[in-house]
N, C-alpha and C. Protein backbone atom coordinates (compact mmCIF):
# COMPACT_ATOMS: atom_id res chain seq x y z
N UNK A 1 0.84 -1.18 0.00
CA UNK A 1 0.00 0.00 0.00
C UNK A 1 0.87 1.23 0.00
N UNK A 2 0.36 2.34 -0.48
CA UNK A 2 1.09 3.59 -0.50
C UNK A 2 0.64 4.44 0.68
N UNK A 3 1.63 4.99 1.39
CA UNK A 3 1.36 5.87 2.52
C UNK A 3 1.82 7.26 2.14
N UNK A 4 0.94 8.21 2.21
CA UNK A 4 1.30 9.56 1.81
C UNK A 4 1.73 9.55 0.36
N UNK A 5 2.73 10.39 0.04
CA UNK A 5 3.19 10.47 -1.35
C UNK A 5 4.58 9.89 -1.54
N UNK A 6 5.26 9.48 -0.43
CA UNK A 6 6.63 9.03 -0.59
C UNK A 6 6.97 7.72 0.09
N UNK A 7 5.98 6.93 0.48
CA UNK A 7 6.33 5.72 1.22
C UNK A 7 5.43 4.56 0.84
N UNK A 8 6.03 3.38 0.77
CA UNK A 8 5.30 2.14 0.52
C UNK A 8 5.49 1.23 1.72
N UNK A 9 4.45 0.51 2.09
CA UNK A 9 4.52 -0.45 3.19
C UNK A 9 3.65 -1.65 2.82
N UNK A 10 3.64 -2.63 3.69
CA UNK A 10 2.91 -3.86 3.41
C UNK A 10 1.94 -4.17 4.54
N UNK A 11 0.72 -4.52 4.17
CA UNK A 11 -0.23 -5.10 5.12
C UNK A 11 -0.26 -6.59 4.83
N UNK A 12 -0.12 -7.39 5.88
CA UNK A 12 -0.11 -8.84 5.74
C UNK A 12 -1.30 -9.39 6.51
N UNK A 13 -2.09 -10.24 5.84
CA UNK A 13 -3.21 -10.87 6.52
C UNK A 13 -2.72 -12.14 7.20
N UNK A 14 -3.00 -12.25 8.48
CA UNK A 14 -2.60 -13.44 9.24
C UNK A 14 -3.41 -14.62 8.72
N UNK A 15 -2.74 -15.74 8.38
CA UNK A 15 -3.47 -16.90 7.84
C UNK A 15 -4.61 -17.35 8.77
N UNK A 16 -5.68 -17.76 8.15
CA UNK A 16 -6.87 -18.28 8.84
C UNK A 16 -7.57 -17.24 9.71
N UNK A 17 -7.32 -15.96 9.48
CA UNK A 17 -8.00 -14.89 10.20
C UNK A 17 -8.34 -13.79 9.21
N UNK A 18 -9.01 -12.78 9.71
CA UNK A 18 -9.27 -11.59 8.90
C UNK A 18 -8.39 -10.43 9.34
N UNK A 19 -7.49 -10.70 10.28
CA UNK A 19 -6.65 -9.63 10.85
C UNK A 19 -5.46 -9.31 9.95
N UNK A 20 -5.24 -8.00 9.76
CA UNK A 20 -4.07 -7.51 9.06
C UNK A 20 -3.05 -7.00 10.08
N UNK A 21 -1.77 -7.14 9.74
CA UNK A 21 -0.69 -6.55 10.53
C UNK A 21 0.12 -5.66 9.60
N UNK A 22 0.74 -4.67 10.18
CA UNK A 22 1.54 -3.70 9.43
C UNK A 22 3.01 -4.13 9.48
N UNK A 23 3.64 -4.25 8.30
CA UNK A 23 5.04 -4.62 8.19
C UNK A 23 5.73 -3.55 7.35
N UNK A 24 6.85 -3.04 7.84
CA UNK A 24 7.52 -1.95 7.13
C UNK A 24 9.01 -2.00 7.42
N UNK A 25 9.77 -2.32 6.40
CA UNK A 25 11.23 -2.42 6.56
C UNK A 25 11.95 -1.17 6.09
N UNK A 26 11.24 -0.18 5.60
CA UNK A 26 11.89 0.97 5.00
C UNK A 26 11.66 2.28 5.71
N UNK A 27 11.04 2.27 6.86
CA UNK A 27 10.81 3.53 7.55
C UNK A 27 11.87 3.75 8.62
N UNK A 28 12.12 4.99 8.94
CA UNK A 28 13.11 5.32 9.98
C UNK A 28 12.43 5.22 11.35
N UNK A 29 11.85 4.07 11.60
CA UNK A 29 11.16 3.82 12.86
C UNK A 29 11.54 2.42 13.34
N UNK A 30 11.50 2.21 14.62
CA UNK A 30 11.94 0.93 15.19
C UNK A 30 10.89 -0.18 15.07
N UNK A 31 10.62 -0.61 13.86
CA UNK A 31 9.62 -1.66 13.66
C UNK A 31 10.30 -3.01 13.65
N UNK A 32 10.44 -3.59 14.83
CA UNK A 32 11.12 -4.87 14.98
C UNK A 32 10.16 -6.04 14.90
N UNK A 33 8.89 -5.75 14.81
CA UNK A 33 7.87 -6.79 14.72
C UNK A 33 6.67 -6.19 14.00
N UNK A 34 5.81 -7.04 13.44
CA UNK A 34 4.59 -6.52 12.82
C UNK A 34 3.73 -5.82 13.87
N UNK A 35 3.07 -4.75 13.46
CA UNK A 35 2.16 -4.05 14.37
C UNK A 35 0.75 -4.59 14.20
N UNK A 36 0.15 -5.01 15.30
CA UNK A 36 -1.21 -5.56 15.29
C UNK A 36 -2.19 -4.40 15.53
N UNK A 37 -2.29 -3.54 14.54
CA UNK A 37 -3.04 -2.30 14.70
C UNK A 37 -4.56 -2.50 14.74
N UNK A 38 -5.07 -3.60 14.21
CA UNK A 38 -6.52 -3.82 14.22
C UNK A 38 -7.01 -4.38 15.55
N UNK A 39 -6.28 -5.32 16.12
CA UNK A 39 -6.73 -5.96 17.35
C UNK A 39 -6.18 -5.29 18.60
N UNK A 40 -5.16 -4.48 18.44
CA UNK A 40 -4.57 -3.78 19.58
C UNK A 40 -4.25 -2.34 19.16
N UNK A 41 -5.28 -1.46 19.12
CA UNK A 41 -5.07 -0.10 18.63
C UNK A 41 -4.10 0.72 19.47
N UNK A 42 -3.79 0.27 20.70
CA UNK A 42 -2.81 0.97 21.51
C UNK A 42 -1.40 0.42 21.30
N UNK A 43 -1.29 -0.60 20.42
CA UNK A 43 0.00 -1.21 20.15
C UNK A 43 0.93 -0.16 19.54
N UNK A 44 2.13 -0.10 20.05
CA UNK A 44 3.12 0.82 19.51
C UNK A 44 4.48 0.16 19.63
N UNK A 45 5.43 0.72 18.95
CA UNK A 45 6.82 0.30 19.10
C UNK A 45 7.63 1.55 19.41
N UNK A 46 8.66 1.37 20.22
CA UNK A 46 9.50 2.52 20.55
C UNK A 46 10.92 2.06 20.80
N UNK A 47 11.82 3.00 20.62
CA UNK A 47 13.24 2.75 20.86
C UNK A 47 13.94 4.10 20.95
N UNK A 48 14.59 4.36 22.06
CA UNK A 48 15.42 5.55 22.19
C UNK A 48 14.74 6.87 21.89
N UNK A 49 13.49 7.00 22.30
CA UNK A 49 12.80 8.27 22.07
C UNK A 49 12.07 8.36 20.74
N UNK A 50 12.11 7.30 19.94
CA UNK A 50 11.36 7.25 18.68
C UNK A 50 10.23 6.26 18.88
N UNK A 51 9.00 6.71 18.58
CA UNK A 51 7.83 5.87 18.83
C UNK A 51 6.87 5.93 17.65
N UNK A 52 6.26 4.79 17.35
CA UNK A 52 5.31 4.68 16.25
C UNK A 52 4.01 4.11 16.78
N UNK A 53 2.90 4.75 16.37
CA UNK A 53 1.55 4.27 16.67
C UNK A 53 0.80 4.16 15.36
N UNK A 54 -0.06 3.18 15.25
CA UNK A 54 -1.03 3.14 14.16
C UNK A 54 -2.39 3.13 14.83
N UNK A 55 -3.18 4.17 14.53
CA UNK A 55 -4.47 4.33 15.21
C UNK A 55 -5.60 4.46 14.20
N UNK A 56 -6.78 3.95 14.58
CA UNK A 56 -7.93 4.07 13.68
C UNK A 56 -8.35 5.52 13.54
N UNK A 57 -8.72 5.91 12.32
CA UNK A 57 -9.26 7.26 12.09
C UNK A 57 -10.76 7.26 12.36
N UNK A 58 -11.39 6.16 11.97
CA UNK A 58 -12.84 6.05 12.08
C UNK A 58 -13.22 4.58 11.99
N UNK A 59 -14.49 4.29 11.83
CA UNK A 59 -14.97 2.90 11.78
C UNK A 59 -14.88 2.29 10.38
N UNK A 60 -14.42 3.05 9.40
CA UNK A 60 -14.47 2.58 8.01
C UNK A 60 -13.22 1.82 7.56
N UNK A 61 -12.30 1.54 8.46
CA UNK A 61 -11.09 0.83 8.07
C UNK A 61 -9.94 1.72 7.71
N UNK A 62 -10.06 3.01 8.01
CA UNK A 62 -8.96 3.95 7.76
C UNK A 62 -8.12 4.08 9.02
N UNK A 63 -6.81 4.08 8.82
CA UNK A 63 -5.86 4.16 9.93
C UNK A 63 -4.82 5.23 9.62
N UNK A 64 -4.17 5.73 10.67
CA UNK A 64 -3.10 6.71 10.50
C UNK A 64 -1.85 6.24 11.23
N UNK A 65 -0.74 6.32 10.53
CA UNK A 65 0.58 5.99 11.05
C UNK A 65 1.14 7.28 11.66
N UNK A 66 1.48 7.25 12.94
CA UNK A 66 2.03 8.41 13.64
C UNK A 66 3.45 8.07 14.08
N UNK A 67 4.40 8.96 13.80
CA UNK A 67 5.78 8.77 14.25
C UNK A 67 6.19 9.97 15.08
N UNK A 68 6.72 9.69 16.27
CA UNK A 68 7.16 10.73 17.19
C UNK A 68 8.65 10.57 17.46
N UNK A 69 9.34 11.67 17.55
CA UNK A 69 10.74 11.68 18.00
C UNK A 69 10.82 12.59 19.20
N UNK A 70 11.27 12.04 20.31
CA UNK A 70 11.37 12.78 21.57
C UNK A 70 10.07 13.49 21.91
N UNK A 71 8.94 12.80 21.68
CA UNK A 71 7.63 13.32 22.03
C UNK A 71 7.01 14.27 21.03
N UNK A 72 7.72 14.57 19.93
CA UNK A 72 7.19 15.50 18.91
C UNK A 72 6.74 14.71 17.68
N UNK A 73 5.50 14.99 17.25
CA UNK A 73 4.96 14.35 16.06
C UNK A 73 5.73 14.83 14.84
N UNK A 74 6.18 13.88 14.03
CA UNK A 74 6.87 14.21 12.78
C UNK A 74 5.81 14.25 11.68
N UNK A 75 5.50 15.44 11.22
CA UNK A 75 4.38 15.63 10.28
C UNK A 75 4.57 14.89 8.96
N UNK A 76 5.82 14.83 8.45
CA UNK A 76 6.00 14.16 7.15
C UNK A 76 5.80 12.66 7.24
N UNK A 77 5.67 12.11 8.46
CA UNK A 77 5.36 10.68 8.59
C UNK A 77 4.00 10.49 9.24
N UNK A 78 3.08 11.39 9.01
CA UNK A 78 1.69 11.24 9.43
C UNK A 78 0.95 10.72 8.20
N UNK A 79 0.88 9.40 8.07
CA UNK A 79 0.36 8.75 6.87
C UNK A 79 -0.95 8.05 7.15
N UNK A 80 -1.85 8.12 6.18
CA UNK A 80 -3.13 7.41 6.30
C UNK A 80 -3.17 6.26 5.31
N UNK A 81 -3.91 5.21 5.69
CA UNK A 81 -4.09 4.09 4.79
C UNK A 81 -5.39 3.39 5.16
N UNK A 82 -5.82 2.51 4.28
CA UNK A 82 -7.05 1.76 4.50
C UNK A 82 -6.79 0.26 4.34
N UNK A 83 -7.52 -0.52 5.08
CA UNK A 83 -7.44 -1.98 4.94
C UNK A 83 -8.44 -2.47 3.90
N UNK A 84 -9.24 -1.58 3.35
CA UNK A 84 -10.32 -1.97 2.44
C UNK A 84 -9.89 -2.05 0.99
N UNK A 85 -8.71 -1.57 0.66
CA UNK A 85 -8.25 -1.58 -0.73
C UNK A 85 -7.14 -2.60 -0.90
N UNK A 86 -7.26 -3.39 -1.97
CA UNK A 86 -6.22 -4.36 -2.31
C UNK A 86 -5.37 -3.77 -3.41
N UNK A 87 -4.06 -3.86 -3.24
CA UNK A 87 -3.13 -3.34 -4.24
C UNK A 87 -2.47 -4.51 -4.97
N UNK A 88 -2.03 -4.23 -6.18
CA UNK A 88 -1.29 -5.19 -6.98
C UNK A 88 0.03 -4.53 -7.39
N UNK A 89 0.99 -5.33 -7.79
CA UNK A 89 2.30 -4.78 -8.12
C UNK A 89 2.20 -3.64 -9.12
N UNK A 90 1.35 -3.76 -10.11
CA UNK A 90 1.24 -2.71 -11.14
C UNK A 90 0.83 -1.36 -10.54
N UNK A 91 0.17 -1.39 -9.37
CA UNK A 91 -0.23 -0.14 -8.72
C UNK A 91 0.98 0.65 -8.22
N UNK A 92 2.12 -0.02 -8.08
CA UNK A 92 3.30 0.64 -7.51
C UNK A 92 4.31 1.08 -8.55
N UNK A 93 4.10 0.73 -9.81
CA UNK A 93 5.07 1.09 -10.85
C UNK A 93 5.24 2.60 -10.93
N UNK A 94 4.16 3.34 -11.03
CA UNK A 94 4.26 4.81 -11.14
C UNK A 94 4.88 5.43 -9.89
N UNK A 95 4.43 5.08 -8.67
CA UNK A 95 5.10 5.66 -7.50
C UNK A 95 6.60 5.35 -7.44
N UNK A 96 6.98 4.13 -7.79
CA UNK A 96 8.41 3.77 -7.78
C UNK A 96 9.17 4.62 -8.79
N UNK A 97 8.61 4.79 -9.98
CA UNK A 97 9.26 5.62 -11.00
C UNK A 97 9.38 7.07 -10.50
N UNK A 98 8.35 7.56 -9.84
CA UNK A 98 8.39 8.94 -9.32
C UNK A 98 9.43 9.09 -8.22
N UNK A 99 9.61 8.07 -7.39
CA UNK A 99 10.59 8.13 -6.30
C UNK A 99 12.00 8.34 -6.84
N UNK A 100 12.28 7.82 -8.03
CA UNK A 100 13.63 7.84 -8.56
C UNK A 100 13.86 8.91 -9.61
N UNK A 101 13.05 9.95 -9.60
CA UNK A 101 13.26 11.09 -10.48
C UNK A 101 14.32 12.00 -9.87
N UNK A 102 15.12 12.68 -10.72
CA UNK A 102 16.13 13.62 -10.20
C UNK A 102 15.49 14.64 -9.25
N UNK A 103 16.18 14.90 -8.16
CA UNK A 103 15.72 15.90 -7.20
C UNK A 103 14.82 15.36 -6.10
N UNK A 104 14.35 14.12 -6.22
CA UNK A 104 13.50 13.57 -5.17
C UNK A 104 14.35 13.08 -4.01
N UNK A 105 13.70 12.78 -2.90
CA UNK A 105 14.39 12.36 -1.68
C UNK A 105 15.39 11.24 -1.94
N UNK A 106 14.97 10.22 -2.67
CA UNK A 106 15.83 9.06 -2.87
C UNK A 106 16.95 9.30 -3.87
N UNK A 107 16.90 10.38 -4.59
CA UNK A 107 17.93 10.67 -5.59
C UNK A 107 18.74 11.93 -5.24
N UNK A 108 18.58 12.45 -4.04
CA UNK A 108 19.31 13.66 -3.68
C UNK A 108 19.97 13.58 -2.31
N UNK A 109 20.03 12.38 -1.75
CA UNK A 109 20.56 12.22 -0.40
C UNK A 109 21.27 10.88 -0.27
N UNK A 110 22.40 10.88 0.41
CA UNK A 110 23.04 9.64 0.82
C UNK A 110 22.45 9.31 2.18
N UNK A 111 21.81 8.16 2.30
CA UNK A 111 21.08 7.84 3.52
C UNK A 111 21.27 6.37 3.86
N UNK A 112 21.57 6.11 5.13
CA UNK A 112 21.70 4.74 5.62
C UNK A 112 21.21 4.73 7.06
N UNK A 113 20.28 3.84 7.37
CA UNK A 113 19.67 3.76 8.70
C UNK A 113 19.77 2.33 9.19
N UNK A 114 20.11 2.16 10.46
CA UNK A 114 20.20 0.81 11.02
C UNK A 114 19.85 0.84 12.50
N UNK A 115 19.07 -0.14 12.92
CA UNK A 115 18.75 -0.32 14.33
C UNK A 115 19.61 -1.47 14.84
N UNK A 116 20.35 -1.23 15.89
CA UNK A 116 21.22 -2.25 16.46
C UNK A 116 20.75 -2.56 17.88
N UNK A 117 19.75 -3.43 17.98
CA UNK A 117 19.17 -3.74 19.27
C UNK A 117 20.19 -4.33 20.23
N UNK A 118 21.08 -5.16 19.71
CA UNK A 118 22.08 -5.79 20.57
C UNK A 118 23.04 -4.76 21.18
N UNK A 119 23.23 -3.64 20.49
CA UNK A 119 24.08 -2.57 21.01
C UNK A 119 23.26 -1.45 21.66
N UNK A 120 21.93 -1.63 21.67
CA UNK A 120 21.01 -0.66 22.26
C UNK A 120 21.18 0.74 21.66
N UNK A 121 21.21 0.77 20.31
CA UNK A 121 21.38 2.05 19.62
C UNK A 121 20.86 1.97 18.20
N UNK A 122 20.70 3.15 17.60
CA UNK A 122 20.39 3.22 16.18
C UNK A 122 21.40 4.13 15.52
N UNK A 123 21.65 3.87 14.25
CA UNK A 123 22.58 4.68 13.47
C UNK A 123 21.80 5.32 12.33
N UNK A 124 22.09 6.58 12.07
CA UNK A 124 21.48 7.27 10.95
C UNK A 124 22.54 8.12 10.26
N UNK A 125 22.85 7.76 9.03
CA UNK A 125 23.78 8.54 8.22
C UNK A 125 22.98 9.26 7.16
N UNK A 126 23.01 10.58 7.17
CA UNK A 126 22.37 11.38 6.14
C UNK A 126 23.44 12.32 5.60
N UNK A 127 23.81 12.08 4.34
CA UNK A 127 24.91 12.79 3.69
C UNK A 127 26.18 12.62 4.51
N UNK A 128 26.67 13.67 5.13
CA UNK A 128 27.93 13.56 5.88
C UNK A 128 27.71 13.59 7.39
N UNK A 129 26.46 13.45 7.83
CA UNK A 129 26.17 13.53 9.27
C UNK A 129 25.74 12.16 9.79
N UNK A 130 26.46 11.68 10.79
CA UNK A 130 26.14 10.42 11.45
C UNK A 130 25.55 10.74 12.81
N UNK A 131 24.33 10.24 13.06
CA UNK A 131 23.71 10.35 14.38
C UNK A 131 23.64 8.96 14.99
N UNK A 132 24.13 8.86 16.22
CA UNK A 132 24.04 7.62 16.98
C UNK A 132 23.13 7.90 18.16
N UNK A 133 21.98 7.23 18.18
CA UNK A 133 20.97 7.43 19.22
C UNK A 133 20.98 6.20 20.12
N UNK A 134 21.15 6.41 21.43
CA UNK A 134 21.14 5.26 22.33
C UNK A 134 19.72 4.97 22.81
N UNK A 135 19.57 3.90 23.54
CA UNK A 135 18.26 3.43 23.99
C UNK A 135 17.53 4.45 24.86
N UNK A 136 18.28 5.35 25.49
CA UNK A 136 17.69 6.39 26.35
C UNK A 136 17.35 7.66 25.58
N UNK A 137 17.63 7.69 24.27
CA UNK A 137 17.31 8.86 23.46
C UNK A 137 18.45 9.85 23.32
N UNK A 138 19.59 9.59 23.96
CA UNK A 138 20.74 10.48 23.82
C UNK A 138 21.32 10.33 22.42
N UNK A 139 21.61 11.47 21.77
CA UNK A 139 22.10 11.45 20.40
C UNK A 139 23.51 12.03 20.34
N UNK A 140 24.42 11.27 19.75
CA UNK A 140 25.76 11.76 19.42
C UNK A 140 25.75 12.11 17.94
N UNK A 141 26.19 13.32 17.62
CA UNK A 141 26.21 13.76 16.23
C UNK A 141 27.66 13.89 15.78
N UNK A 142 27.98 13.28 14.64
CA UNK A 142 29.33 13.31 14.09
C UNK A 142 29.28 13.85 12.67
N UNK A 143 30.08 14.87 12.39
CA UNK A 143 30.20 15.41 11.05
C UNK A 143 31.38 14.71 10.36
N UNK A 144 31.12 14.06 9.25
CA UNK A 144 32.16 13.36 8.50
C UNK A 144 32.65 14.26 7.38
N UNK A 145 33.94 14.39 7.24
CA UNK A 145 34.46 15.40 6.32
C UNK A 145 35.06 14.84 5.04
N UNK A 146 34.99 13.52 4.85
CA UNK A 146 35.54 12.96 3.61
C UNK A 146 34.83 11.66 3.27
N UNK A 147 35.04 11.23 2.05
CA UNK A 147 34.49 9.95 1.61
C UNK A 147 35.12 8.82 2.42
N UNK A 148 36.41 8.95 2.75
CA UNK A 148 37.06 7.93 3.58
C UNK A 148 36.40 7.84 4.95
N UNK A 149 36.03 8.99 5.55
CA UNK A 149 35.33 8.96 6.83
C UNK A 149 34.01 8.21 6.72
N UNK A 150 33.28 8.47 5.63
CA UNK A 150 32.01 7.79 5.41
C UNK A 150 32.24 6.30 5.22
N UNK A 151 33.21 5.93 4.42
CA UNK A 151 33.54 4.51 4.20
C UNK A 151 33.86 3.83 5.54
N UNK A 152 34.66 4.49 6.39
CA UNK A 152 35.02 3.91 7.68
C UNK A 152 33.79 3.70 8.56
N UNK A 153 32.87 4.65 8.57
CA UNK A 153 31.64 4.51 9.35
C UNK A 153 30.79 3.36 8.82
N UNK A 154 30.66 3.27 7.50
CA UNK A 154 29.88 2.18 6.90
C UNK A 154 30.51 0.83 7.23
N UNK A 155 31.84 0.76 7.18
CA UNK A 155 32.54 -0.50 7.49
C UNK A 155 32.46 -0.85 8.96
N UNK A 156 32.79 0.10 9.83
CA UNK A 156 32.96 -0.18 11.25
C UNK A 156 31.67 -0.11 12.05
N UNK A 157 30.89 0.93 11.86
CA UNK A 157 29.67 1.11 12.65
C UNK A 157 28.50 0.30 12.08
N UNK A 158 28.30 0.41 10.77
CA UNK A 158 27.19 -0.31 10.14
C UNK A 158 27.55 -1.76 9.82
N UNK A 159 28.84 -2.08 9.75
CA UNK A 159 29.30 -3.42 9.40
C UNK A 159 28.81 -3.83 8.00
N UNK A 160 28.90 -2.87 7.04
CA UNK A 160 28.47 -3.12 5.66
C UNK A 160 29.61 -2.79 4.69
N UNK A 161 30.69 -3.57 4.72
CA UNK A 161 31.87 -3.23 3.92
C UNK A 161 31.66 -3.31 2.42
N UNK A 162 30.64 -4.01 1.95
CA UNK A 162 30.43 -4.14 0.51
C UNK A 162 29.43 -3.13 -0.05
N UNK A 163 28.90 -2.27 0.81
CA UNK A 163 27.97 -1.25 0.34
C UNK A 163 28.72 -0.30 -0.60
N UNK A 164 28.19 -0.02 -1.79
CA UNK A 164 28.92 0.80 -2.78
C UNK A 164 28.81 2.31 -2.49
N UNK A 165 29.34 2.71 -1.35
CA UNK A 165 29.22 4.09 -0.90
C UNK A 165 29.89 5.06 -1.86
N UNK A 166 31.11 4.75 -2.27
CA UNK A 166 31.85 5.65 -3.17
C UNK A 166 31.08 5.86 -4.46
N UNK A 167 30.56 4.79 -5.01
CA UNK A 167 29.79 4.90 -6.26
C UNK A 167 28.53 5.73 -6.05
N UNK A 168 27.86 5.55 -4.93
CA UNK A 168 26.65 6.34 -4.64
C UNK A 168 26.99 7.83 -4.56
N UNK A 169 28.09 8.16 -3.92
CA UNK A 169 28.49 9.57 -3.80
C UNK A 169 28.82 10.14 -5.17
N UNK A 170 29.50 9.36 -6.01
CA UNK A 170 29.83 9.83 -7.37
C UNK A 170 28.55 10.06 -8.17
N UNK A 171 27.60 9.12 -8.08
CA UNK A 171 26.33 9.29 -8.80
C UNK A 171 25.62 10.55 -8.32
N UNK A 172 25.58 10.77 -7.01
CA UNK A 172 24.96 12.00 -6.49
C UNK A 172 25.65 13.23 -7.03
N UNK A 173 26.99 13.21 -7.08
CA UNK A 173 27.72 14.36 -7.63
C UNK A 173 27.37 14.57 -9.09
N UNK A 174 27.26 13.48 -9.86
CA UNK A 174 26.88 13.59 -11.28
C UNK A 174 25.48 14.18 -11.43
N UNK A 175 24.63 13.98 -10.42
CA UNK A 175 23.28 14.55 -10.43
C UNK A 175 23.25 15.96 -9.86
N UNK A 176 24.42 16.50 -9.51
CA UNK A 176 24.50 17.86 -8.99
C UNK A 176 24.30 17.97 -7.49
N UNK A 177 24.42 16.86 -6.77
CA UNK A 177 24.23 16.87 -5.32
C UNK A 177 25.59 16.74 -4.64
N UNK A 178 25.95 17.73 -3.85
CA UNK A 178 27.18 17.71 -3.08
C UNK A 178 26.81 17.40 -1.62
N UNK A 179 27.09 16.19 -1.19
CA UNK A 179 26.68 15.79 0.16
C UNK A 179 27.48 16.50 1.25
N UNK A 180 28.55 17.17 0.87
CA UNK A 180 29.38 17.89 1.84
C UNK A 180 29.15 19.40 1.80
N UNK A 181 28.17 19.88 1.04
CA UNK A 181 28.01 21.31 0.79
C UNK A 181 27.80 22.15 2.04
N UNK A 182 27.18 21.60 3.07
CA UNK A 182 26.91 22.43 4.24
C UNK A 182 27.94 22.26 5.35
N UNK A 183 29.05 21.61 5.04
CA UNK A 183 30.13 21.53 6.03
C UNK A 183 30.71 22.92 6.27
N UNK A 184 30.97 23.22 7.50
CA UNK A 184 31.52 24.53 7.84
C UNK A 184 33.00 24.65 7.45
N UNK A 185 33.68 23.50 7.41
CA UNK A 185 35.10 23.50 7.08
C UNK A 185 35.31 23.84 5.62
N UNK A 186 36.36 24.52 5.32
CA UNK A 186 36.66 24.89 3.94
C UNK A 186 37.80 23.97 3.44
N UNK A 187 37.41 22.86 2.85
CA UNK A 187 38.40 21.97 2.26
C UNK A 187 37.75 21.20 1.12
N UNK A 188 38.56 20.67 0.26
CA UNK A 188 38.02 19.93 -0.88
C UNK A 188 37.86 18.46 -0.49
N UNK A 189 36.93 17.82 -1.16
CA UNK A 189 36.66 16.41 -0.92
C UNK A 189 37.31 15.59 -2.01
N UNK A 190 38.08 14.60 -1.62
CA UNK A 190 38.81 13.76 -2.55
C UNK A 190 37.96 12.54 -2.93
N UNK A 191 37.75 12.33 -4.22
CA UNK A 191 37.00 11.18 -4.68
C UNK A 191 37.84 9.93 -4.82
N UNK A 192 39.12 10.05 -4.73
CA UNK A 192 40.01 8.92 -4.96
C UNK A 192 40.08 8.05 -3.83
């Protein structure tokens, strides 16, 4: 199903029941398990000050996804959906094509998000900024000043040594996106 204008998620019907659960692997929210939003409307997930609720809008099968960070509602993740509509793969072709147009979120940002429950933290890399949020909501912010710094974070913190970070940065540069543009330091970035 499509949520808002920039997000896709999945509703899964539990076998031998009429109950749907919400499954979402692509949101910046701590969804470590399916949300049973129909049978437990107070069901939520939270981690380190980030919390997600799915609540009924009315009796017609419409629901709203709410995401809060440190108690503040994040408006761009206030999404509505219905359990009454069935989608097919062809329904997502146009939204997927739109997501990958030049200048859109997915084509103008280097982004990597990971929840590390065993380390009681989450990692969020957006362009050259790494945020490490612990289970208590404390955030460490690190400004990375080179592609090598980003590679080291991807290798060591995210444990993703095969992620094609350098290629992604080059593609963004070819699209006119400089992920280091707002760094306060005045130095050049080496692509080599």
